[in-house]
Amino acid sequence: MIVFLLLVHSWYPLDCCADRDCHPIDCKQFVSFDDGTVAYHGWMIPKSRIRRSQDNDCHICVSKSLGSVNCVFFPGLA
Protein backbone atom coordinates (compact mmCIF):
# COMPACT_ATOMS: atom_id res chain seq x y z
CA MET A 1 0.00 0.00 0.00
CA ILE A 2 2.81 2.45 0.78
CA VAL A 3 4.39 1.83 -2.62
CA PHE A 4 1.03 2.55 -4.32
CA LEU A 5 0.67 5.85 -2.47
CA LEU A 6 4.17 6.90 -3.41
CA LEU A 7 3.54 6.09 -7.07
CA VAL A 8 0.27 8.02 -7.07
CA HIS A 9 1.93 11.08 -5.59
CA SER A 10 4.79 10.90 -8.07
CA TRP A 11 2.76 12.61 -10.82
CA TYR A 12 0.90 15.27 -8.83
CA PRO A 13 2.34 18.73 -9.55
CA LEU A 14 3.84 20.42 -6.49
CA ASP A 15 1.64 23.51 -6.92
CA CYS A 16 -1.39 21.25 -6.39
CA CYS A 17 -0.21 18.77 -3.85
CA ALA A 18 2.87 19.56 -1.83
CA ASP A 19 3.15 15.76 -1.45
CA ARG A 20 0.29 15.42 1.01
CA ASP A 21 -2.94 17.11 -0.13
CA CYS A 22 -4.04 14.87 -3.04
CA HIS A 23 -5.92 11.61 -3.19
CA PRO A 24 -8.11 9.58 -5.56
CA ILE A 25 -11.85 10.26 -5.37
CA ASP A 26 -15.02 8.93 -6.98
CA CYS A 27 -15.74 11.05 -10.07
CA LYS A 28 -19.46 10.97 -9.22
CA GLN A 29 -18.80 13.33 -6.30
CA PHE A 30 -18.26 16.23 -8.75
CA VAL A 31 -20.95 18.27 -10.47
CA SER A 32 -19.91 19.79 -13.81
CA PHE A 33 -21.24 23.04 -15.27
CA ASP A 34 -21.37 24.31 -18.86
CA ASP A 35 -18.78 27.02 -18.18
CA GLY A 36 -16.14 24.41 -17.28
CA THR A 37 -16.30 24.80 -13.50
CA VAL A 38 -17.04 21.89 -11.20
CA ALA A 39 -18.54 21.74 -7.72
CA TYR A 40 -17.44 19.51 -4.88
CA HIS A 41 -19.21 19.64 -1.50
CA GLY A 42 -19.92 23.37 -1.72
CA TRP A 43 -16.63 24.37 -3.29
CA MET A 44 -16.75 25.85 -6.79
CA ILE A 45 -13.59 24.90 -8.65
CA PRO A 46 -12.67 27.08 -11.64
CA LYS A 47 -11.58 25.60 -14.93
CA SER A 48 -8.04 26.87 -14.28
CA ARG A 49 -7.69 24.36 -11.42
CA ILE A 50 -8.90 21.37 -13.44
CA ARG A 51 -6.23 19.14 -14.94
CA ARG A 52 -5.90 15.85 -16.77
CA SER A 53 -5.44 12.78 -14.60
CA GLN A 54 -2.55 10.50 -15.50
CA ASP A 55 -4.58 7.42 -14.68
CA ASN A 56 -8.23 6.44 -15.12
CA ASP A 57 -9.38 7.98 -11.84
CA CYS A 58 -10.42 11.36 -10.54
CA HIS A 59 -8.28 13.00 -7.87
CA ILE A 60 -8.63 16.03 -5.63
CA CYS A 61 -6.02 18.14 -3.88
CA VAL A 62 -7.38 19.88 -0.81
CA SER A 63 -5.33 22.18 1.37
CA LYS A 64 -6.56 21.42 4.86
CA SER A 65 -4.65 24.36 6.30
CA LEU A 66 -6.22 26.83 3.84
CA GLY A 67 -9.57 25.08 3.57
CA SER A 68 -9.55 25.19 -0.21
CA VAL A 69 -9.30 22.98 -3.26
CA ASN A 70 -5.96 23.38 -5.01
CA CYS A 71 -6.65 21.20 -8.08
CA VAL A 72 -8.84 18.42 -9.37
CA PHE A 73 -7.87 15.84 -11.95
CA PHE A 74 -10.18 14.09 -14.41
CA PRO A 75 -9.30 11.23 -16.77
CA GLY A 76 -9.60 11.75 -20.50
CA LEU A 77 -9.23 15.53 -20.65
CA ALA A 78 -7.48 16.84 -23.76
PDB file of N, CA and C in Angstrom:
ATOM      1  N   MET A   1       0.823  -1.197   0.000  1.00  0.00           N
ATOM      2  CA  MET A   1       0.000   0.000   0.000  1.00  0.00           C
ATOM      3  C   MET A   1       0.868   1.263   0.000  1.00  0.00           C
ATOM      4  N   ILE A   2       1.940   1.275   0.735  1.00  0.00           N
ATOM      5  CA  ILE A   2       2.807   2.450   0.785  1.00  0.00           C
ATOM      6  C   ILE A   2       3.416   2.717  -0.590  1.00  0.00           C
ATOM      7  N   VAL A   3       3.818   1.665  -1.294  1.00  0.00           N
ATOM      8  CA  VAL A   3       4.390   1.832  -2.622  1.00  0.00           C
ATOM      9  C   VAL A   3       3.358   2.447  -3.551  1.00  0.00           C
ATOM     10  N   PHE A   4       2.096   1.999  -3.488  1.00  0.00           N
ATOM     11  CA  PHE A   4       1.029   2.548  -4.318  1.00  0.00           C
ATOM     12  C   PHE A   4       0.861   4.040  -4.050  1.00  0.00           C
ATOM     13  N   LEU A   5       0.832   4.443  -2.803  1.00  0.00           N
ATOM     14  CA  LEU A   5       0.666   5.854  -2.468  1.00  0.00           C
ATOM     15  C   LEU A   5       1.827   6.692  -2.984  1.00  0.00           C
ATOM     16  N   LEU A   6       3.021   6.170  -2.895  1.00  0.00           N
ATOM     17  CA  LEU A   6       4.173   6.901  -3.410  1.00  0.00           C
ATOM     18  C   LEU A   6       4.101   7.052  -4.919  1.00  0.00           C
ATOM     19  N   LEU A   7       3.663   6.011  -5.619  1.00  0.00           N
ATOM     20  CA  LEU A   7       3.539   6.091  -7.070  1.00  0.00           C
ATOM     21  C   LEU A   7       2.450   7.071  -7.480  1.00  0.00           C
ATOM     22  N   VAL A   8       1.347   7.079  -6.775  1.00  0.00           N
ATOM     23  CA  VAL A   8       0.271   8.018  -7.071  1.00  0.00           C
ATOM     24  C   VAL A   8       0.769   9.442  -6.916  1.00  0.00           C
ATOM     25  N   HIS A   9       1.454   9.717  -5.839  1.00  0.00           N
ATOM     26  CA  HIS A   9       1.934  11.076  -5.590  1.00  0.00           C
ATOM     27  C   HIS A   9       3.044  11.493  -6.550  1.00  0.00           C
ATOM     28  N   SER A  10       3.659  10.548  -7.218  1.00  0.00           N
ATOM     29  CA  SER A  10       4.787  10.899  -8.069  1.00  0.00           C
ATOM     30  C   SER A  10       4.392  11.791  -9.241  1.00  0.00           C
ATOM     31  N   TRP A  11       3.140  11.778  -9.671  1.00  0.00           N
ATOM     32  CA  TRP A  11       2.763  12.613 -10.820  1.00  0.00           C
ATOM     33  C   TRP A  11       1.977  13.869 -10.448  1.00  0.00           C
ATOM     34  N   TYR A  12       1.599  14.037  -9.212  1.00  0.00           N
ATOM     35  CA  TYR A  12       0.901  15.265  -8.828  1.00  0.00           C
ATOM     36  C   TYR A  12       1.864  16.458  -8.886  1.00  0.00           C
ATOM     37  N   PRO A  13       1.466  17.549  -9.539  1.00  0.00           N
ATOM     38  CA  PRO A  13       2.336  18.733  -9.555  1.00  0.00           C
ATOM     39  C   PRO A  13       2.455  19.331  -8.150  1.00  0.00           C
ATOM     40  N   LEU A  14       3.612  19.857  -7.832  1.00  0.00           N
ATOM     41  CA  LEU A  14       3.836  20.416  -6.492  1.00  0.00           C
ATOM     42  C   LEU A  14       2.908  21.588  -6.185  1.00  0.00           C
ATOM     43  N   ASP A  15       2.528  22.378  -7.197  1.00  0.00           N
ATOM     44  CA  ASP A  15       1.638  23.508  -6.922  1.00  0.00           C
ATOM     45  C   ASP A  15       0.241  23.055  -6.525  1.00  0.00           C
ATOM     46  N   CYS A  16      -0.085  21.796  -6.787  1.00  0.00           N
ATOM     47  CA  CYS A  16      -1.387  21.254  -6.392  1.00  0.00           C
ATOM     48  C   CYS A  16      -1.313  20.489  -5.075  1.00  0.00           C
ATOM     49  N   CYS A  17      -0.221  19.801  -4.875  1.00  0.00           N
ATOM     50  CA  CYS A  17      -0.214  18.772  -3.849  1.00  0.00           C
ATOM     51  C   CYS A  17       0.697  19.014  -2.659  1.00  0.00           C
ATOM     52  N   ALA A  18       1.868  19.452  -2.899  1.00  0.00           N
ATOM     53  CA  ALA A  18       2.871  19.555  -1.827  1.00  0.00           C
ATOM     54  C   ALA A  18       3.088  18.211  -1.141  1.00  0.00           C
ATOM     55  N   ASP A  19       2.915  17.131  -1.911  1.00  0.00           N
ATOM     56  CA  ASP A  19       3.150  15.755  -1.455  1.00  0.00           C
ATOM     57  C   ASP A  19       2.267  15.269  -0.312  1.00  0.00           C
ATOM     58  N   ARG A  20       1.131  15.925  -0.087  1.00  0.00           N
ATOM     59  CA  ARG A  20       0.292  15.421   1.007  1.00  0.00           C
ATOM     60  C   ARG A  20      -1.187  15.752   0.866  1.00  0.00           C
ATOM     61  N   ASP A  21      -1.567  16.617  -0.070  1.00  0.00           N
ATOM     62  CA  ASP A  21      -2.939  17.106  -0.130  1.00  0.00           C
ATOM     63  C   ASP A  21      -3.830  16.382  -1.134  1.00  0.00           C
ATOM     64  N   CYS A  22      -3.273  15.488  -1.958  1.00  0.00           N
ATOM     65  CA  CYS A  22      -4.035  14.875  -3.044  1.00  0.00           C
ATOM     66  C   CYS A  22      -4.371  13.417  -2.758  1.00  0.00           C
ATOM     67  N   HIS A  23      -5.527  13.004  -3.303  1.00  0.00           N
ATOM     68  CA  HIS A  23      -5.917  11.608  -3.191  1.00  0.00           C
ATOM     69  C   HIS A  23      -6.964  11.277  -4.250  1.00  0.00           C
ATOM     70  N   PRO A  24      -7.076   9.997  -4.622  1.00  0.00           N
ATOM     71  CA  PRO A  24      -8.112   9.579  -5.557  1.00  0.00           C
ATOM     72  C   PRO A  24      -9.500   9.797  -4.950  1.00  0.00           C
ATOM     73  N   ILE A  25     -10.486  10.007  -5.819  1.00  0.00           N
ATOM     74  CA  ILE A  25     -11.846  10.265  -5.368  1.00  0.00           C
ATOM     75  C   ILE A  25     -12.817   9.764  -6.435  1.00  0.00           C
ATOM     76  N   ASP A  26     -13.992   9.371  -6.039  1.00  0.00           N
ATOM     77  CA  ASP A  26     -15.022   8.926  -6.979  1.00  0.00           C
ATOM     78  C   ASP A  26     -15.463  10.109  -7.846  1.00  0.00           C
ATOM     79  N   CYS A  27     -15.378   9.967  -9.148  1.00  0.00           N
ATOM     80  CA  CYS A  27     -15.740  11.049 -10.071  1.00  0.00           C
ATOM     81  C   CYS A  27     -17.193  11.504  -9.905  1.00  0.00           C
ATOM     82  N   LYS A  28     -18.041  10.627  -9.399  1.00  0.00           N
ATOM     83  CA  LYS A  28     -19.458  10.966  -9.218  1.00  0.00           C
ATOM     84  C   LYS A  28     -19.682  12.021  -8.136  1.00  0.00           C
ATOM     85  N   GLN A  29     -18.661  12.327  -7.348  1.00  0.00           N
ATOM     86  CA  GLN A  29     -18.800  13.333  -6.304  1.00  0.00           C
ATOM     87  C   GLN A  29     -18.725  14.761  -6.843  1.00  0.00           C
ATOM     88  N   PHE A  30     -18.358  14.916  -8.123  1.00  0.00           N
ATOM     89  CA  PHE A  30     -18.260  16.230  -8.745  1.00  0.00           C
ATOM     90  C   PHE A  30     -19.509  16.532  -9.558  1.00  0.00           C
ATOM     91  N   VAL A  31     -19.872  17.793  -9.598  1.00  0.00           N
ATOM     92  CA  VAL A  31     -20.952  18.269 -10.468  1.00  0.00           C
ATOM     93  C   VAL A  31     -20.308  19.224 -11.463  1.00  0.00           C
ATOM     94  N   SER A  32     -20.511  18.955 -12.761  1.00  0.00           N
ATOM     95  CA  SER A  32     -19.912  19.787 -13.810  1.00  0.00           C
ATOM     96  C   SER A  32     -20.914  20.798 -14.331  1.00  0.00           C
ATOM     97  N   PHE A  33     -20.413  21.968 -14.718  1.00  0.00           N
ATOM     98  CA  PHE A  33     -21.237  23.039 -15.268  1.00  0.00           C
ATOM     99  C   PHE A  33     -20.771  23.377 -16.681  1.00  0.00           C
ATOM    100  N   ASP A  34     -21.663  23.987 -17.455  1.00  0.00           N
ATOM    101  CA  ASP A  34     -21.370  24.310 -18.859  1.00  0.00           C
ATOM    102  C   ASP A  34     -20.172  25.237 -19.030  1.00  0.00           C
ATOM    103  N   ASP A  35     -19.890  26.075 -18.055  1.00  0.00           N
ATOM    104  CA  ASP A  35     -18.781  27.024 -18.178  1.00  0.00           C
ATOM    105  C   ASP A  35     -17.420  26.401 -17.848  1.00  0.00           C
ATOM    106  N   GLY A  36     -17.393  25.098 -17.553  1.00  0.00           N
ATOM    107  CA  GLY A  36     -16.140  24.407 -17.277  1.00  0.00           C
ATOM    108  C   GLY A  36     -15.796  24.281 -15.804  1.00  0.00           C
ATOM    109  N   THR A  37     -16.558  24.945 -14.935  1.00  0.00           N
ATOM    110  CA  THR A  37     -16.301  24.800 -13.502  1.00  0.00           C
ATOM    111  C   THR A  37     -16.927  23.503 -12.999  1.00  0.00           C
ATOM    112  N   VAL A  38     -16.456  23.052 -11.857  1.00  0.00           N
ATOM    113  CA  VAL A  38     -17.044  21.891 -11.195  1.00  0.00           C
ATOM    114  C   VAL A  38     -17.294  22.238  -9.734  1.00  0.00           C
ATOM    115  N   ALA A  39     -18.230  21.554  -9.137  1.00  0.00           N
ATOM    116  CA  ALA A  39     -18.540  21.741  -7.723  1.00  0.00           C
ATOM    117  C   ALA A  39     -18.214  20.457  -6.978  1.00  0.00           C
ATOM    118  N   TYR A  40     -17.745  20.638  -5.754  1.00  0.00           N
ATOM    119  CA  TYR A  40     -17.444  19.514  -4.877  1.00  0.00           C
ATOM    120  C   TYR A  40     -17.771  19.943  -3.451  1.00  0.00           C
ATOM    121  N   HIS A  41     -18.814  19.377  -2.886  1.00  0.00           N
ATOM    122  CA  HIS A  41     -19.208  19.638  -1.498  1.00  0.00           C
ATOM    123  C   HIS A  41     -19.203  21.129  -1.138  1.00  0.00           C
ATOM    124  N   GLY A  42     -19.804  21.935  -1.992  1.00  0.00           N
ATOM    125  CA  GLY A  42     -19.921  23.367  -1.716  1.00  0.00           C
ATOM    126  C   GLY A  42     -18.802  24.229  -2.268  1.00  0.00           C
ATOM    127  N   TRP A  43     -17.719  23.614  -2.673  1.00  0.00           N
ATOM    128  CA  TRP A  43     -16.627  24.369  -3.290  1.00  0.00           C
ATOM    129  C   TRP A  43     -16.874  24.476  -4.786  1.00  0.00           C
ATOM    130  N   MET A  44     -16.719  25.657  -5.347  1.00  0.00           N
ATOM    131  CA  MET A  44     -16.752  25.854  -6.794  1.00  0.00           C
ATOM    132  C   MET A  44     -15.301  25.904  -7.273  1.00  0.00           C
ATOM    133  N   ILE A  45     -14.973  25.029  -8.184  1.00  0.00           N
ATOM    134  CA  ILE A  45     -13.593  24.903  -8.646  1.00  0.00           C
ATOM    135  C   ILE A  45     -13.516  25.426 -10.076  1.00  0.00           C
ATOM    136  N   PRO A  46     -12.753  26.503 -10.299  1.00  0.00           N
ATOM    137  CA  PRO A  46     -12.674  27.079 -11.638  1.00  0.00           C
ATOM    138  C   PRO A  46     -11.922  26.175 -12.611  1.00  0.00           C
ATOM    139  N   LYS A  47     -12.203  26.393 -13.873  1.00  0.00           N
ATOM    140  CA  LYS A  47     -11.579  25.603 -14.932  1.00  0.00           C
ATOM    141  C   LYS A  47     -10.053  25.639 -14.849  1.00  0.00           C
ATOM    142  N   SER A  48      -9.498  26.734 -14.372  1.00  0.00           N
ATOM    143  CA  SER A  48      -8.037  26.872 -14.281  1.00  0.00           C
ATOM    144  C   SER A  48      -7.409  25.896 -13.287  1.00  0.00           C
ATOM    145  N   ARG A  49      -8.217  25.320 -12.403  1.00  0.00           N
ATOM    146  CA  ARG A  49      -7.688  24.357 -11.416  1.00  0.00           C
ATOM    147  C   ARG A  49      -8.000  22.907 -11.785  1.00  0.00           C
ATOM    148  N   ILE A  50      -8.535  22.707 -12.975  1.00  0.00           N
ATOM    149  CA  ILE A  50      -8.896  21.365 -13.441  1.00  0.00           C
ATOM    150  C   ILE A  50      -7.822  20.888 -14.403  1.00  0.00           C
ATOM    151  N   ARG A  51      -7.321  19.693 -14.138  1.00  0.00           N
ATOM    152  CA  ARG A  51      -6.229  19.140 -14.939  1.00  0.00           C
ATOM    153  C   ARG A  51      -6.530  17.710 -15.352  1.00  0.00           C
ATOM    154  N   ARG A  52      -5.728  17.213 -16.282  1.00  0.00           N
ATOM    155  CA  ARG A  52      -5.901  15.847 -16.773  1.00  0.00           C
ATOM    156  C   ARG A  52      -5.230  14.867 -15.820  1.00  0.00           C
ATOM    157  N   SER A  53      -5.982  13.844 -15.451  1.00  0.00           N
ATOM    158  CA  SER A  53      -5.438  12.781 -14.605  1.00  0.00           C
ATOM    159  C   SER A  53      -4.508  11.909 -15.431  1.00  0.00           C
ATOM    160  N   GLN A  54      -3.482  11.386 -14.810  1.00  0.00           N
ATOM    161  CA  GLN A  54      -2.550  10.504 -15.500  1.00  0.00           C
ATOM    162  C   GLN A  54      -2.901   9.037 -15.310  1.00  0.00           C
ATOM    163  N   ASP A  55      -4.065   8.784 -14.733  1.00  0.00           N
ATOM    164  CA  ASP A  55      -4.579   7.419 -14.681  1.00  0.00           C
ATOM    165  C   ASP A  55      -6.068   7.479 -15.046  1.00  0.00           C
ATOM    166  N   ASN A  56      -6.806   6.469 -14.763  1.00  0.00           N
ATOM    167  CA  ASN A  56      -8.226   6.441 -15.124  1.00  0.00           C
ATOM    168  C   ASN A  56      -9.129   6.837 -13.963  1.00  0.00           C
ATOM    169  N   ASP A  57      -8.611   7.587 -13.021  1.00  0.00           N
ATOM    170  CA  ASP A  57      -9.376   7.981 -11.840  1.00  0.00           C
ATOM    171  C   ASP A  57      -9.418   9.502 -11.701  1.00  0.00           C
ATOM    172  N   CYS A  58     -10.387   9.957 -10.939  1.00  0.00           N
ATOM    173  CA  CYS A  58     -10.422  11.362 -10.538  1.00  0.00           C
ATOM    174  C   CYS A  58      -9.608  11.510  -9.263  1.00  0.00           C
ATOM    175  N   HIS A  59      -9.075  12.696  -9.057  1.00  0.00           N
ATOM    176  CA  HIS A  59      -8.281  13.003  -7.874  1.00  0.00           C
ATOM    177  C   HIS A  59      -8.608  14.420  -7.439  1.00  0.00           C
ATOM    178  N   ILE A  60      -8.436  14.691  -6.157  1.00  0.00           N
ATOM    179  CA  ILE A  60      -8.633  16.034  -5.632  1.00  0.00           C
ATOM    180  C   ILE A  60      -7.470  16.385  -4.710  1.00  0.00           C
ATOM    181  N   CYS A  61      -7.095  17.639  -4.744  1.00  0.00           N
ATOM    182  CA  CYS A  61      -6.018  18.138  -3.882  1.00  0.00           C
ATOM    183  C   CYS A  61      -6.615  19.242  -3.016  1.00  0.00           C
ATOM    184  N   VAL A  62      -6.757  18.956  -1.741  1.00  0.00           N
ATOM    185  CA  VAL A  62      -7.384  19.882  -0.806  1.00  0.00           C
ATOM    186  C   VAL A  62      -6.359  20.334   0.216  1.00  0.00           C
ATOM    187  N   SER A  63      -6.211  21.631   0.344  1.00  0.00           N
ATOM    188  CA  SER A  63      -5.333  22.182   1.369  1.00  0.00           C
ATOM    189  C   SER A  63      -6.127  22.279   2.666  1.00  0.00           C
ATOM    190  N   LYS A  64      -5.836  21.401   3.586  1.00  0.00           N
ATOM    191  CA  LYS A  64      -6.564  21.417   4.859  1.00  0.00           C
ATOM    192  C   LYS A  64      -6.246  22.676   5.664  1.00  0.00           C
ATOM    193  N   SER A  65      -5.021  23.161   5.542  1.00  0.00           N
ATOM    194  CA  SER A  65      -4.646  24.364   6.301  1.00  0.00           C
ATOM    195  C   SER A  65      -5.337  25.608   5.757  1.00  0.00           C
ATOM    196  N   LEU A  66      -5.544  25.669   4.444  1.00  0.00           N
ATOM    197  CA  LEU A  66      -6.216  26.826   3.841  1.00  0.00           C
ATOM    198  C   LEU A  66      -7.719  26.627   3.675  1.00  0.00           C
ATOM    199  N   GLY A  67      -8.154  25.371   3.759  1.00  0.00           N
ATOM    200  CA  GLY A  67      -9.571  25.078   3.573  1.00  0.00           C
ATOM    201  C   GLY A  67     -10.032  25.338   2.154  1.00  0.00           C
ATOM    202  N   SER A  68      -9.196  24.949   1.180  1.00  0.00           N
ATOM    203  CA  SER A  68      -9.552  25.194  -0.213  1.00  0.00           C
ATOM    204  C   SER A  68      -9.104  24.030  -1.091  1.00  0.00           C
ATOM    205  N   VAL A  69      -9.684  23.979  -2.282  1.00  0.00           N
ATOM    206  CA  VAL A  69      -9.302  22.984  -3.264  1.00  0.00           C
ATOM    207  C   VAL A  69      -8.207  23.572  -4.140  1.00  0.00           C
ATOM    208  N   ASN A  70      -7.063  22.911  -4.187  1.00  0.00           N
ATOM    209  CA  ASN A  70      -5.956  23.380  -5.013  1.00  0.00           C
ATOM    210  C   ASN A  70      -6.145  22.994  -6.476  1.00  0.00           C
ATOM    211  N   CYS A  71      -6.468  21.717  -6.723  1.00  0.00           N
ATOM    212  CA  CYS A  71      -6.648  21.201  -8.076  1.00  0.00           C
ATOM    213  C   CYS A  71      -7.555  19.981  -8.031  1.00  0.00           C
ATOM    214  N   VAL A  72      -8.171  19.692  -9.177  1.00  0.00           N
ATOM    215  CA  VAL A  72      -8.842  18.424  -9.372  1.00  0.00           C
ATOM    216  C   VAL A  72      -8.343  17.842 -10.692  1.00  0.00           C
ATOM    217  N   PHE A  73      -8.353  16.532 -10.777  1.00  0.00           N
ATOM    218  CA  PHE A  73      -7.871  15.836 -11.952  1.00  0.00           C
ATOM    219  C   PHE A  73      -8.957  14.911 -12.452  1.00  0.00           C
ATOM    220  N   PHE A  74      -9.193  14.949 -13.769  1.00  0.00           N
ATOM    221  CA  PHE A  74     -10.175  14.086 -14.410  1.00  0.00           C
ATOM    222  C   PHE A  74      -9.505  13.299 -15.517  1.00  0.00           C
ATOM    223  N   PRO A  75      -9.872  12.015 -15.687  1.00  0.00           N
ATOM    224  CA  PRO A  75      -9.304  11.228 -16.773  1.00  0.00           C
ATOM    225  C   PRO A  75      -9.891  11.687 -18.112  1.00  0.00           C
ATOM    226  N   GLY A  76      -9.100  11.528 -19.154  1.00  0.00           N
ATOM    227  CA  GLY A  76      -9.597  11.754 -20.505  1.00  0.00           C
ATOM    228  C   GLY A  76      -9.702  13.186 -20.959  1.00  0.00           C
ATOM    229  N   LEU A  77      -9.197  14.139 -20.199  1.00  0.00           N
ATOM    230  CA  LEU A  77      -9.227  15.531 -20.655  1.00  0.00           C
ATOM    231  C   LEU A  77      -8.150  15.726 -21.721  1.00  0.00           C
ATOM    232  N   ALA A  78      -8.457  16.561 -22.688  1.00  0.00           N
ATOM    233  CA  ALA A  78      -7.485  16.836 -23.764  1.00  0.00           C
ATOM    234  C   ALA A  78      -6.389  17.750 -23.278  1.00  0.00           C
TER     235      ALA A  78
END
